[in-house]
């Protein structure tokens, strides 16, 4: 009886920690979008921001929103998954809010990319266009020809694919310019904080469910955290170590001074 009481007390503490971590990661990851938005707004420019990153980020969060909303709100989908896997998928309400909020802020950045000043070479690449169009096509096929719960899981896999690839153009842009100007480091610091909180919550929830390997049944959340942390470390290295004293760019370095030759 004594040990049982201790066990329940311990579980209650872990549940409280999980709840706190969930909203901390939601706050850190949600707020991380705004430094870039405000930087773009302040300059009325997206020079230094990868257009590929912006579009792949928005599509990725659209897929992630489908995944979280579907598994959290629709009992029939949860029942299908549980019947096939003998355990529930670990989706929390803060996961839903985060996905929807991130989709919203990603769309704001796309708006800025289309209406603020950018350079001639700042446009979506052919490779990114192919990845985006093929991802949409394959996810639509999944929803048409597979059970809903499988289609949602496939959506989360494409979110992971887009997350892996979206950071590469931004990291390469920083490398090519030998500068992180135009890319908000505050975004990066908040993002890595959210990643640590997110994966910590998932680990605790898996432990409470009796199987730490349940983390792998929410690949969208687990690998999203790990991938974000990895690339955030790359950006931190670029900003604070490699490109601490970047070359001083102006529009003559990046594009023509003729306003008609700049994208609006």
Protein backbone atom coordinates (compact mmCIF):
# COMPACT_ATOMS: atom_id res chain seq x y z
CA UNK A 1 0.00 0.00 0.00
CA UNK A 2 2.85 2.34 0.84
CA UNK A 3 4.63 1.66 -2.45
CA UNK A 4 1.40 1.95 -4.38
CA UNK A 5 0.81 5.37 -2.84
CA UNK A 6 4.32 6.44 -3.78
CA UNK A 7 3.77 5.21 -7.33
CA UNK A 8 0.58 7.23 -7.73
CA UNK A 9 2.24 10.31 -6.24
CA UNK A 10 5.12 9.91 -8.68
CA UNK A 11 2.72 9.50 -11.60
CA UNK A 12 0.84 12.61 -10.55
CA UNK A 13 4.06 14.62 -10.45
CA UNK A 14 5.11 13.36 -13.88
CA UNK A 15 1.68 14.20 -15.31
CA UNK A 16 2.03 17.74 -13.97
CA UNK A 17 5.53 18.04 -15.44
CA UNK A 18 4.24 16.73 -18.80
CA UNK A 19 1.39 19.25 -18.77
CA UNK A 20 3.82 22.09 -18.01
CA UNK A 21 6.33 20.98 -20.64
CA UNK A 22 3.55 20.72 -23.22
CA UNK A 23 2.52 24.32 -22.83
CA UNK A 24 6.12 25.52 -22.50
CA UNK A 25 7.00 23.92 -25.83
CA UNK A 26 3.81 25.33 -27.35
CA UNK A 27 4.75 28.81 -26.15
CA UNK A 28 8.43 28.60 -27.21
CA UNK A 29 7.70 27.15 -30.65
CA UNK A 30 4.74 29.46 -31.26
CA UNK A 31 6.59 32.61 -30.21
CA UNK A 32 9.62 31.52 -32.26
CA UNK A 33 7.75 32.46 -35.45
CA UNK A 34 7.35 36.11 -34.53
CA UNK A 35 10.95 37.41 -34.46
CA UNK A 36 11.25 36.56 -38.17
CA UNK A 37 7.87 38.11 -38.94
CA UNK A 38 8.76 41.30 -37.06
CA UNK A 39 12.22 41.45 -38.67
CA UNK A 40 10.66 41.20 -42.12
CA UNK A 41 8.04 43.81 -41.21
CA UNK A 42 10.61 46.21 -39.78
CA UNK A 43 12.77 46.05 -42.90
CA UNK A 44 9.85 45.65 -45.33
CA UNK A 45 12.15 43.07 -46.85
CA UNK A 46 12.73 39.31 -46.84
CA UNK A 47 16.31 39.56 -48.11
CA UNK A 48 18.27 36.82 -46.36
CA UNK A 49 15.26 34.53 -45.92
CA UNK A 50 15.00 31.40 -48.06
CA UNK A 51 11.76 31.37 -50.07
CA UNK A 52 11.98 27.58 -50.26
CA UNK A 53 12.05 27.48 -46.45
CA UNK A 54 8.91 29.62 -46.21
CA UNK A 55 6.81 27.54 -48.61
CA UNK A 56 7.95 24.13 -47.37
CA UNK A 57 7.36 25.24 -43.79
CA UNK A 58 3.76 26.27 -44.53
CA UNK A 59 2.92 23.03 -46.34
CA UNK A 60 4.58 20.99 -43.59
CA UNK A 61 2.48 22.64 -40.91
CA UNK A 62 -0.65 22.11 -42.99
CA UNK A 63 0.10 18.36 -43.02
CA UNK A 64 0.93 18.45 -39.31
CA UNK A 65 -2.36 20.22 -38.58
CA UNK A 66 -4.26 17.48 -40.43
CA UNK A 67 -2.45 14.85 -38.38
CA UNK A 68 -3.04 16.43 -34.97
CA UNK A 69 -6.61 17.60 -35.57
CA UNK A 70 -7.59 14.23 -37.03
CA UNK A 71 -6.19 12.14 -34.19
CA UNK A 72 -7.27 14.45 -31.39
CA UNK A 73 -10.85 15.30 -32.34
CA UNK A 74 -12.17 12.31 -34.31
CA UNK A 75 -12.95 9.27 -32.17
CA UNK A 76 -13.46 7.03 -35.20
CA UNK A 77 -9.90 7.68 -36.36
CA UNK A 78 -8.52 7.08 -32.87
CA UNK A 79 -10.49 3.83 -32.68
CA UNK A 80 -9.13 2.65 -36.04
CA UNK A 81 -5.58 3.32 -34.89
CA UNK A 82 -6.03 1.68 -31.49
CA UNK A 83 -7.63 -1.38 -33.05
CA UNK A 84 -4.64 -1.88 -35.34
CA UNK A 85 -1.92 -1.03 -32.80
CA UNK A 86 -3.44 -1.98 -29.41
CA UNK A 87 -2.59 1.41 -27.90
CA UNK A 88 -3.61 5.04 -28.45
CA UNK A 89 -1.51 7.63 -30.28
CA UNK A 90 -0.12 10.28 -27.91
CA UNK A 91 -1.64 13.56 -29.13
CA UNK A 92 -2.23 16.41 -26.65
CA UNK A 93 -4.35 19.55 -27.08
CA UNK A 94 -1.20 21.70 -27.04
CA UNK A 95 -0.01 19.72 -30.09
CA UNK A 96 -3.17 20.76 -31.93
CA UNK A 97 -2.86 24.42 -30.96
CA UNK A 98 0.81 24.47 -31.93
CA UNK A 99 0.21 22.97 -35.38
CA UNK A 100 -2.64 25.36 -36.24
CA UNK A 101 -0.84 28.41 -34.88
CA UNK A 102 2.34 27.53 -36.78
CA UNK A 103 0.35 27.14 -39.99
CA UNK A 104 -1.10 30.61 -39.43
CA UNK A 105 2.29 32.26 -38.86
CA UNK A 106 3.82 30.39 -41.82
CA UNK A 107 1.13 31.87 -44.06
CA UNK A 108 2.01 35.35 -42.76
CA UNK A 109 5.64 34.78 -43.81
CA UNK A 110 4.51 33.66 -47.28
CA UNK A 111 2.48 36.86 -47.57
CA UNK A 112 5.59 38.85 -46.65
CA UNK A 113 7.66 36.94 -49.21
CA UNK A 114 5.24 37.99 -51.94
CA UNK A 115 4.82 41.65 -51.00
CA UNK A 116 8.08 42.74 -49.39
CA UNK A 117 11.33 43.49 -51.20
CA UNK A 118 13.37 40.49 -52.24
CA UNK A 119 16.25 39.96 -54.63
CA UNK A 120 16.20 38.54 -58.13
CA UNK A 121 17.43 35.13 -57.04
CA UNK A 122 14.97 34.92 -54.14
CA UNK A 123 12.30 32.71 -55.64
CA UNK A 124 11.10 29.21 -55.07
CA UNK A 125 13.46 26.70 -56.66
CA UNK A 126 12.48 24.03 -59.17
CA UNK A 127 13.48 21.29 -56.72
CA UNK A 128 11.32 22.79 -53.96
CA UNK A 129 8.40 23.18 -56.38
CA UNK A 130 8.69 19.52 -57.37
CA UNK A 131 8.88 18.40 -53.75
CA UNK A 132 5.86 20.49 -52.76
CA UNK A 133 3.70 19.39 -55.70
CA UNK A 134 4.63 15.70 -55.34
CA UNK A 135 3.98 15.83 -51.58
CA UNK A 136 0.51 17.27 -52.11
CA UNK A 137 -0.25 14.69 -54.82
CA UNK A 138 0.87 11.72 -52.72
CA UNK A 139 -0.98 12.87 -49.59
CA UNK A 140 -4.17 13.32 -51.61
CA UNK A 141 -3.71 9.80 -53.00
CA UNK A 142 -3.27 8.51 -49.43
CA UNK A 143 -6.55 10.10 -48.33
CA UNK A 144 -8.36 8.66 -51.34
CA UNK A 145 -7.10 5.10 -51.15
CA UNK A 146 -6.06 4.29 -47.56
CA UNK A 147 -7.88 4.33 -44.20
CA UNK A 148 -8.03 7.78 -42.64
CA UNK A 149 -5.69 6.97 -39.78
CA UNK A 150 -3.04 5.74 -42.23
CA UNK A 151 -3.48 8.82 -44.41
CA UNK A 152 -2.93 11.04 -41.38
CA UNK A 153 0.22 9.12 -40.45
CA UNK A 154 1.45 9.50 -44.03
CA UNK A 155 0.77 13.24 -43.70
CA UNK A 156 3.01 13.34 -40.64
CA UNK A 157 5.78 11.56 -42.60
CA UNK A 158 5.60 14.20 -45.31
CA UNK A 159 5.75 16.85 -42.59
CA UNK A 160 9.02 15.25 -41.48
CA UNK A 161 10.33 15.16 -45.05
CA UNK A 162 9.53 18.84 -45.52
CA UNK A 163 11.08 19.71 -42.15
CA UNK A 164 14.32 17.94 -43.08
CA UNK A 165 14.52 19.65 -46.45
CA UNK A 166 13.23 23.13 -45.57
CA UNK A 167 16.21 24.00 -43.38
CA UNK A 168 18.80 23.07 -46.00
CA UNK A 169 18.15 26.04 -48.36
CA UNK A 170 18.33 28.48 -45.42
CA UNK A 171 21.57 26.97 -44.10
CA UNK A 172 23.02 27.05 -47.62
CA UNK A 173 21.90 30.67 -48.13
CA UNK A 174 23.69 31.65 -44.91
CA UNK A 175 26.79 29.74 -46.05
CA UNK A 176 26.78 31.31 -49.52
CA UNK A 177 26.46 34.84 -48.11
CA UNK A 178 28.76 34.08 -45.13
CA UNK A 179 26.10 35.85 -43.09
CA UNK A 180 22.92 35.22 -41.11
CA UNK A 181 21.59 38.74 -41.78
CA UNK A 182 17.87 38.56 -42.52
CA UNK A 183 17.50 35.30 -40.56
CA UNK A 184 16.39 35.88 -36.98
CA UNK A 185 18.61 34.18 -34.38
CA UNK A 186 15.85 34.69 -31.79
CA UNK A 187 13.70 32.40 -33.90
CA UNK A 188 16.45 29.77 -33.63
CA UNK A 189 16.94 30.11 -29.86
CA UNK A 190 13.22 29.79 -29.16
CA UNK A 191 12.93 26.92 -31.62
CA UNK A 192 15.64 24.82 -29.95
CA UNK A 193 14.06 25.52 -26.56
CA UNK A 194 10.69 24.30 -27.83
CA UNK A 195 12.31 21.21 -29.33
CA UNK A 196 13.85 20.19 -26.01
CA UNK A 197 10.56 20.74 -24.16
CA UNK A 198 8.57 18.86 -26.81
CA UNK A 199 10.66 15.70 -26.84
CA UNK A 200 10.86 15.76 -23.03
CA UNK A 201 7.06 15.81 -22.80
CA UNK A 202 6.78 12.95 -25.27
CA UNK A 203 9.28 10.86 -23.28
CA UNK A 204 7.36 11.42 -20.04
CA UNK A 205 4.01 10.62 -21.68
CA UNK A 206 5.45 7.41 -23.12
CA UNK A 207 6.81 6.43 -19.70
CA UNK A 208 3.43 7.10 -18.09
CA UNK A 209 1.75 4.95 -20.76
CA UNK A 210 4.01 2.09 -19.73
CA UNK A 211 6.23 1.89 -22.81
CA UNK A 212 8.97 4.40 -23.61
CA UNK A 213 9.00 3.15 -27.22
CA UNK A 214 5.56 4.69 -27.73
CA UNK A 215 7.57 7.81 -28.60
CA UNK A 216 8.07 6.24 -32.03
CA UNK A 217 4.30 6.03 -32.55
CA UNK A 218 4.21 9.82 -32.76
CA UNK A 219 6.95 10.27 -35.38
CA UNK A 220 5.69 13.72 -36.33
CA UNK A 221 6.38 15.09 -32.86
CA UNK A 222 9.51 13.09 -32.02
CA UNK A 223 11.45 13.56 -35.24
CA UNK A 224 10.19 17.12 -35.68
CA UNK A 225 11.85 17.91 -32.34
CA UNK A 226 15.10 16.09 -33.16
CA UNK A 227 15.42 17.57 -36.65
CA UNK A 228 14.66 21.07 -35.39
CA UNK A 229 17.26 20.76 -32.63
CA UNK A 230 19.91 19.56 -35.10
CA UNK A 231 19.42 22.40 -37.57
CA UNK A 232 19.06 24.97 -34.79
CA UNK A 233 22.53 23.93 -33.62
CA UNK A 234 23.78 24.46 -37.20
CA UNK A 235 22.25 27.97 -37.28
CA UNK A 236 23.66 28.81 -33.84
CA UNK A 237 27.11 27.74 -35.07
CA UNK A 238 26.72 29.89 -38.17
CA UNK A 239 25.52 32.95 -36.27
CA UNK A 240 27.77 32.94 -33.22
CA UNK A 241 30.93 31.25 -34.55
CA UNK A 242 31.34 31.04 -38.32
CA UNK A 243 29.78 34.33 -39.42
CA UNK A 244 30.18 36.58 -36.39
CA UNK A 245 31.61 39.35 -38.57
CA UNK A 246 29.68 39.00 -41.82
CA UNK A 247 30.40 41.11 -44.91
CA UNK A 248 28.33 44.29 -45.04
CA UNK A 249 25.75 43.70 -47.71
CA UNK A 250 23.56 46.22 -49.45
CA UNK A 251 21.30 45.85 -52.45
CA UNK A 252 24.22 46.32 -54.84
CA UNK A 253 25.70 43.14 -53.38
CA UNK A 254 22.47 41.22 -53.64
CA UNK A 255 20.57 42.63 -56.60
CA UNK A 256 20.25 45.59 -58.88
CA UNK A 257 19.56 49.03 -57.42
CA UNK A 258 16.86 49.52 -60.02
CA UNK A 259 13.57 49.13 -58.09
CA UNK A 260 11.90 47.72 -61.20
CA UNK A 261 14.34 44.82 -61.13
CA UNK A 262 13.46 43.89 -57.55
CA UNK A 263 10.48 41.74 -56.75
CA UNK A 264 7.84 43.75 -54.85
